[in-house]
Amino acid sequence: MSEQSERSSRPVATPGLEGKVIAVAGASGPAGRAVLRRLAAGGATVIGADIDQQRLDAAITAVKAAVPDARISGQVIDLLDPQEVHDWADHLEGEHGHVDGMIHLVGGWRGSKTFHDSRIDDWDFLHDTVVRTLQHTSLAFQPALLRSEAGRFAMIGAAAAHKPTAGGAVYAAAKAATEAWTLAMADSFKKETTAEDGSPTAAAVILVIKALLSPEMRAEKPEAKFTGYTETADLADQLAALWDRPAAELNGQHLWLTAR
């Protein structure tokens, strides 16, 4: 087992996570698996969602093996079906009484050698996988997160959205769209807050990375430097820490996990 795998599997006490109910979209990918483990180890009730039953089952089973007392379950959800996502959010709040987090980890990448070679069908792909899935999850979970005492919505932004390259126009534009949408959600939390002192009780946050580094990638290229990459375990730690900070401090913020 790699050092990163050991670190992300090891139970880590996180007071802010205890008792929280957190949904994770895109749970079966490398980042999703690391985040599921970290949240479960911290004491949260975690519900992972993915469109592939087999991959989701494997991710949930791995967490249960790593964190024996994990409160974790999985749900197959088509995030491109807005009604299905809304029904899922309503079900979770009805079952648990509250939903305290939605972490959006659904991603994808398309690019080209030059700007002129950019393909609009690549945009169509990213519009669905990156933009539309985030729109549906944020709209479905916003009311529950607002009702929570510590609601958090988190998405993975991209350094490329802030400094696009010629061949990365499609990807940069898609990530920029999701970041703008998330900032609008943050404004809704500010305007619709229920705290007596007027500060937001919920926060929408963007964690900005260059690229993610999984244990599998490290094992395949042990000598590579992966400069600027964010390890999935480190991303999971940063996400878990969102419940240890006040919503007013986080809401609408870009948290950079790579060099600007």
Protein backbone atom coordinates (compact mmCIF):
# COMPACT_ATOMS: atom_id res chain seq x y z
CA MET A 1 0.00 0.00 0.00
CA SER A 2 1.41 3.43 -0.88
CA GLU A 3 2.09 6.08 1.75
CA GLN A 4 -0.79 8.12 0.33
CA SER A 5 -3.20 5.18 0.49
CA GLU A 6 -2.26 4.53 4.12
CA ARG A 7 -2.72 8.17 5.02
CA SER A 8 -6.10 8.47 3.33
CA SER A 9 -7.36 5.20 4.84
CA ARG A 10 -6.20 5.83 8.39
CA PRO A 11 -8.98 7.07 10.73
CA VAL A 12 -8.53 10.79 11.34
CA ALA A 13 -10.58 12.47 14.05
CA THR A 14 -12.30 15.57 12.68
CA PRO A 15 -14.67 17.20 15.17
CA GLY A 16 -16.37 19.24 12.49
CA LEU A 17 -17.38 16.12 10.57
CA GLU A 18 -18.95 14.20 13.42
CA GLY A 19 -22.68 13.80 12.79
CA LYS A 20 -22.59 15.51 9.41
CA VAL A 21 -24.44 14.01 6.44
CA ILE A 22 -22.46 14.53 3.24
CA ALA A 23 -23.24 13.52 -0.33
CA VAL A 24 -20.42 12.97 -2.82
CA ALA A 25 -21.12 13.09 -6.54
CA GLY A 26 -18.59 11.25 -8.68
CA ALA A 27 -17.73 8.88 -5.87
CA SER A 28 -16.04 6.07 -7.76
CA GLY A 29 -13.12 7.99 -9.27
CA PRO A 30 -9.70 8.34 -7.62
CA ALA A 31 -10.65 11.61 -5.92
CA GLY A 32 -14.04 10.24 -4.93
CA ARG A 33 -12.56 7.17 -3.26
CA ALA A 34 -10.09 9.28 -1.28
CA VAL A 35 -12.82 11.70 -0.20
CA LEU A 36 -15.21 8.92 0.83
CA ARG A 37 -12.52 7.38 3.03
CA ARG A 38 -11.53 10.67 4.62
CA LEU A 39 -15.08 11.78 5.41
CA ALA A 40 -16.04 8.38 6.78
CA ALA A 41 -12.90 8.22 8.91
CA GLY A 42 -13.74 11.66 10.27
CA GLY A 43 -17.13 10.53 11.54
CA ALA A 44 -19.48 11.76 8.84
CA THR A 45 -22.35 9.83 7.34
CA VAL A 46 -21.36 9.62 3.69
CA ILE A 47 -23.51 8.87 0.66
CA GLY A 48 -21.59 8.33 -2.54
CA ALA A 49 -23.27 8.68 -5.92
CA ASP A 50 -22.15 7.41 -9.30
CA ILE A 51 -23.79 6.24 -12.49
CA ASP A 52 -21.89 2.94 -12.57
CA GLN A 53 -23.13 0.40 -10.01
CA GLN A 54 -20.09 -1.86 -10.18
CA ARG A 55 -17.56 0.94 -9.70
CA LEU A 56 -19.64 2.46 -6.92
CA ASP A 57 -19.95 -0.87 -5.09
CA ALA A 58 -16.18 -1.30 -5.32
CA ALA A 59 -15.58 2.17 -3.88
CA ILE A 60 -17.99 1.63 -0.98
CA THR A 61 -16.53 -1.80 -0.21
CA ALA A 62 -13.00 -0.36 -0.12
CA VAL A 63 -14.04 2.32 2.37
CA LYS A 64 -15.73 -0.24 4.63
CA ALA A 65 -12.54 -2.33 4.59
CA ALA A 66 -10.37 0.68 5.42
CA VAL A 67 -12.75 2.23 7.97
CA PRO A 68 -14.58 -0.63 9.71
CA ASP A 69 -17.07 1.62 11.52
CA ALA A 70 -17.80 3.75 8.44
CA ARG A 71 -21.32 5.08 8.05
CA ILE A 72 -21.39 4.95 4.28
CA SER A 73 -23.78 3.97 1.51
CA GLY A 74 -24.00 4.34 -2.24
CA GLN A 75 -26.68 5.41 -4.67
CA VAL A 76 -26.69 5.06 -8.44
CA ILE A 77 -27.77 8.44 -9.78
CA ASP A 78 -27.92 9.89 -13.28
CA LEU A 79 -26.75 13.42 -12.58
CA LEU A 80 -27.97 14.50 -16.01
CA ASP A 81 -31.54 13.86 -14.90
CA PRO A 82 -32.54 16.91 -12.83
CA GLN A 83 -35.64 15.28 -11.33
CA GLU A 84 -33.66 12.25 -10.23
CA VAL A 85 -31.10 14.48 -8.53
CA HIS A 86 -33.80 16.55 -6.80
CA ASP A 87 -35.53 13.38 -5.60
CA TRP A 88 -32.22 12.10 -4.24
CA ALA A 89 -31.58 15.32 -2.30
CA ASP A 90 -35.11 15.29 -0.87
CA HIS A 91 -34.77 11.61 0.08
CA LEU A 92 -31.49 12.16 1.91
CA GLU A 93 -32.87 15.07 3.91
CA GLY A 94 -36.02 13.13 4.73
CA GLU A 95 -34.07 10.05 5.79
CA HIS A 96 -31.40 11.78 7.87
CA GLY A 97 -33.19 14.96 8.92
CA HIS A 98 -30.49 17.17 7.45
CA VAL A 99 -27.91 17.29 4.68
CA ASP A 100 -24.72 19.16 5.49
CA GLY A 101 -22.64 18.78 2.39
CA MET A 102 -22.54 18.15 -1.33
CA ILE A 103 -19.13 17.60 -2.87
CA HIS A 104 -19.05 17.65 -6.66
CA LEU A 105 -16.19 15.54 -8.04
CA VAL A 106 -17.55 14.78 -11.50
CA GLY A 107 -14.95 15.75 -14.06
CA GLY A 108 -13.50 15.15 -17.46
CA TRP A 109 -10.99 16.65 -19.84
CA ARG A 110 -10.86 17.46 -23.52
CA GLY A 111 -8.24 19.46 -25.35
CA SER A 112 -6.51 20.01 -28.67
CA LYS A 113 -3.08 20.85 -30.05
CA THR A 114 -4.08 24.34 -31.20
CA PHE A 115 -6.95 26.75 -30.65
CA HIS A 116 -8.13 26.24 -34.25
CA ASP A 117 -8.34 22.48 -33.63
CA SER A 118 -10.78 22.92 -30.73
CA ARG A 119 -13.83 20.72 -31.27
CA ILE A 120 -17.33 21.82 -30.39
CA ASP A 121 -18.32 18.22 -29.70
CA ASP A 122 -15.67 18.24 -26.97
CA TRP A 123 -17.50 21.23 -25.52
CA ASP A 124 -20.76 19.28 -25.70
CA PHE A 125 -19.16 16.44 -23.73
CA LEU A 126 -17.77 18.72 -21.02
CA HIS A 127 -20.96 20.75 -20.91
CA ASP A 128 -22.75 17.58 -19.77
CA THR A 129 -20.14 15.92 -17.57
CA VAL A 130 -18.71 19.03 -15.92
CA VAL A 131 -21.23 21.88 -16.20
CA ARG A 132 -24.65 20.25 -16.26
CA THR A 133 -23.94 17.77 -13.45
CA LEU A 134 -22.82 20.65 -11.23
CA GLN A 135 -25.87 22.70 -12.11
CA HIS A 136 -28.20 19.86 -11.22
CA THR A 137 -26.52 18.98 -7.93
CA SER A 138 -26.23 22.59 -6.77
CA LEU A 139 -29.86 23.38 -7.55
CA ALA A 140 -31.10 20.19 -5.92
CA PHE A 141 -29.08 20.50 -2.71
CA GLN A 142 -29.10 24.28 -2.16
CA PRO A 143 -32.29 24.38 -0.06
CA ALA A 144 -31.14 21.56 2.25
CA LEU A 145 -27.67 23.09 2.65
CA LEU A 146 -29.28 26.40 3.54
CA ARG A 147 -31.37 24.66 6.21
CA SER A 148 -28.31 22.93 7.65
CA GLU A 149 -26.41 24.49 10.53
CA ALA A 150 -23.19 23.97 8.56
CA GLY A 151 -24.01 23.46 4.89
CA ARG A 152 -21.09 23.16 2.49
CA PHE A 153 -21.04 22.87 -1.30
CA ALA A 154 -17.61 22.21 -2.78
CA MET A 155 -16.42 21.82 -6.34
CA ILE A 156 -13.03 21.28 -7.92
CA GLY A 157 -11.97 24.29 -9.95
CA ALA A 158 -9.05 24.48 -12.34
CA ALA A 159 -6.05 26.75 -12.64
CA ALA A 160 -6.66 26.55 -16.38
CA ALA A 161 -9.91 28.49 -15.96
CA HIS A 162 -7.89 31.43 -14.68
CA LYS A 163 -5.16 31.23 -17.31
CA PRO A 164 -6.48 29.39 -20.39
CA THR A 165 -4.14 28.02 -23.00
CA ALA A 166 -4.82 27.94 -26.73
CA GLY A 167 -5.37 24.18 -26.85
CA GLY A 168 -7.28 24.10 -23.60
CA ALA A 169 -10.09 26.45 -24.60
CA VAL A 170 -12.87 23.89 -24.21
CA TYR A 171 -11.78 22.65 -20.79
CA ALA A 172 -10.99 26.13 -19.45
CA ALA A 173 -14.35 27.47 -20.59
CA ALA A 174 -16.25 24.60 -18.98
CA LYS A 175 -14.44 24.97 -15.66
CA ALA A 176 -14.88 28.74 -15.74
CA ALA A 177 -18.61 28.22 -16.21
CA THR A 178 -18.83 25.92 -13.18
CA GLU A 179 -16.83 28.33 -11.05
CA ALA A 180 -19.13 31.23 -12.00
CA TRP A 181 -22.19 29.10 -11.22
CA THR A 182 -20.75 28.18 -7.82
CA LEU A 183 -20.04 31.82 -7.01
CA ALA A 184 -23.67 32.59 -7.79
CA MET A 185 -24.66 29.85 -5.36
CA ALA A 186 -22.38 31.46 -2.77
CA ASP A 187 -24.23 34.73 -3.26
CA SER A 188 -27.52 32.92 -2.63
CA PHE A 189 -26.16 31.65 0.68
CA LYS A 190 -25.18 35.19 1.62
CA LYS A 191 -28.57 36.64 0.71
CA GLU A 192 -30.75 33.82 2.09
CA THR A 193 -28.87 33.24 5.34
CA THR A 194 -30.80 32.24 8.44
CA ALA A 195 -28.18 33.19 11.06
CA GLU A 196 -29.31 35.75 13.62
CA ASP A 197 -26.20 37.88 13.15
CA GLY A 198 -26.66 37.98 9.38
CA SER A 199 -23.64 35.82 8.55
CA PRO A 200 -24.09 32.86 6.19
CA THR A 201 -24.62 29.42 7.70
CA ALA A 202 -23.75 27.69 4.43
CA ALA A 203 -20.82 28.10 2.08
CA ALA A 204 -20.06 27.34 -1.55
CA VAL A 205 -16.36 26.84 -2.10
CA ILE A 206 -14.05 26.30 -5.09
CA LEU A 207 -10.87 24.26 -4.57
CA VAL A 208 -8.50 25.13 -7.40
CA ILE A 209 -6.03 22.57 -8.70
CA LYS A 210 -3.75 22.10 -11.68
CA ALA A 211 -4.37 18.35 -11.84
CA LEU A 212 -4.93 15.47 -9.44
CA LEU A 213 -2.37 12.83 -8.53
CA SER A 214 -3.69 9.43 -7.47
CA PRO A 215 -1.71 6.58 -5.86
CA GLU A 216 -2.13 4.65 -9.11
CA MET A 217 -0.53 7.47 -11.11
CA ARG A 218 2.36 7.63 -8.64
CA ALA A 219 2.87 3.86 -8.85
CA GLU A 220 2.93 3.92 -12.65
CA LYS A 221 5.54 6.70 -12.75
CA PRO A 222 7.41 6.63 -9.42
CA GLU A 223 10.21 8.86 -10.71
CA ALA A 224 7.94 11.58 -12.13
CA LYS A 225 7.80 14.90 -10.27
CA PHE A 226 4.15 15.81 -11.04
CA THR A 227 4.94 19.45 -10.36
CA GLY A 228 1.93 21.41 -9.20
CA TYR A 229 -0.32 18.36 -8.94
CA THR A 230 -2.53 17.84 -5.88
CA GLU A 231 -2.57 14.39 -4.30
CA THR A 232 -6.06 12.98 -3.88
CA ALA A 233 -5.44 12.41 -0.16
CA ASP A 234 -4.48 16.07 0.26
CA LEU A 235 -7.62 17.13 -1.59
CA ALA A 236 -9.65 14.92 0.73
CA ASP A 237 -8.03 16.53 3.78
CA GLN A 238 -8.82 20.01 2.47
CA LEU A 239 -12.44 19.06 1.86
CA ALA A 240 -12.80 17.50 5.31
CA ALA A 241 -11.46 20.70 6.87
CA LEU A 242 -14.30 22.77 5.39
CA TRP A 243 -16.46 21.84 8.39
CA ASP A 244 -13.82 23.16 10.79
CA ARG A 245 -14.03 26.70 9.42
CA PRO A 246 -16.87 29.25 9.63
CA ALA A 247 -19.14 29.54 6.61
CA ALA A 248 -18.54 33.30 6.44
CA GLU A 249 -14.81 32.64 6.03
CA LEU A 250 -15.31 30.15 3.22
CA ASN A 251 -18.32 31.30 1.24
CA GLY A 252 -17.46 32.34 -2.29
CA GLN A 253 -13.74 31.66 -1.84
CA HIS A 254 -11.21 30.11 -4.19
CA LEU A 255 -8.95 27.84 -2.14
CA TRP A 256 -5.80 27.37 -4.21
CA LEU A 257 -4.12 23.98 -3.84
CA THR A 258 -1.56 24.75 -6.53
CA ALA A 259 0.51 27.76 -7.45
CA ARG A 260 -1.48 30.66 -8.86
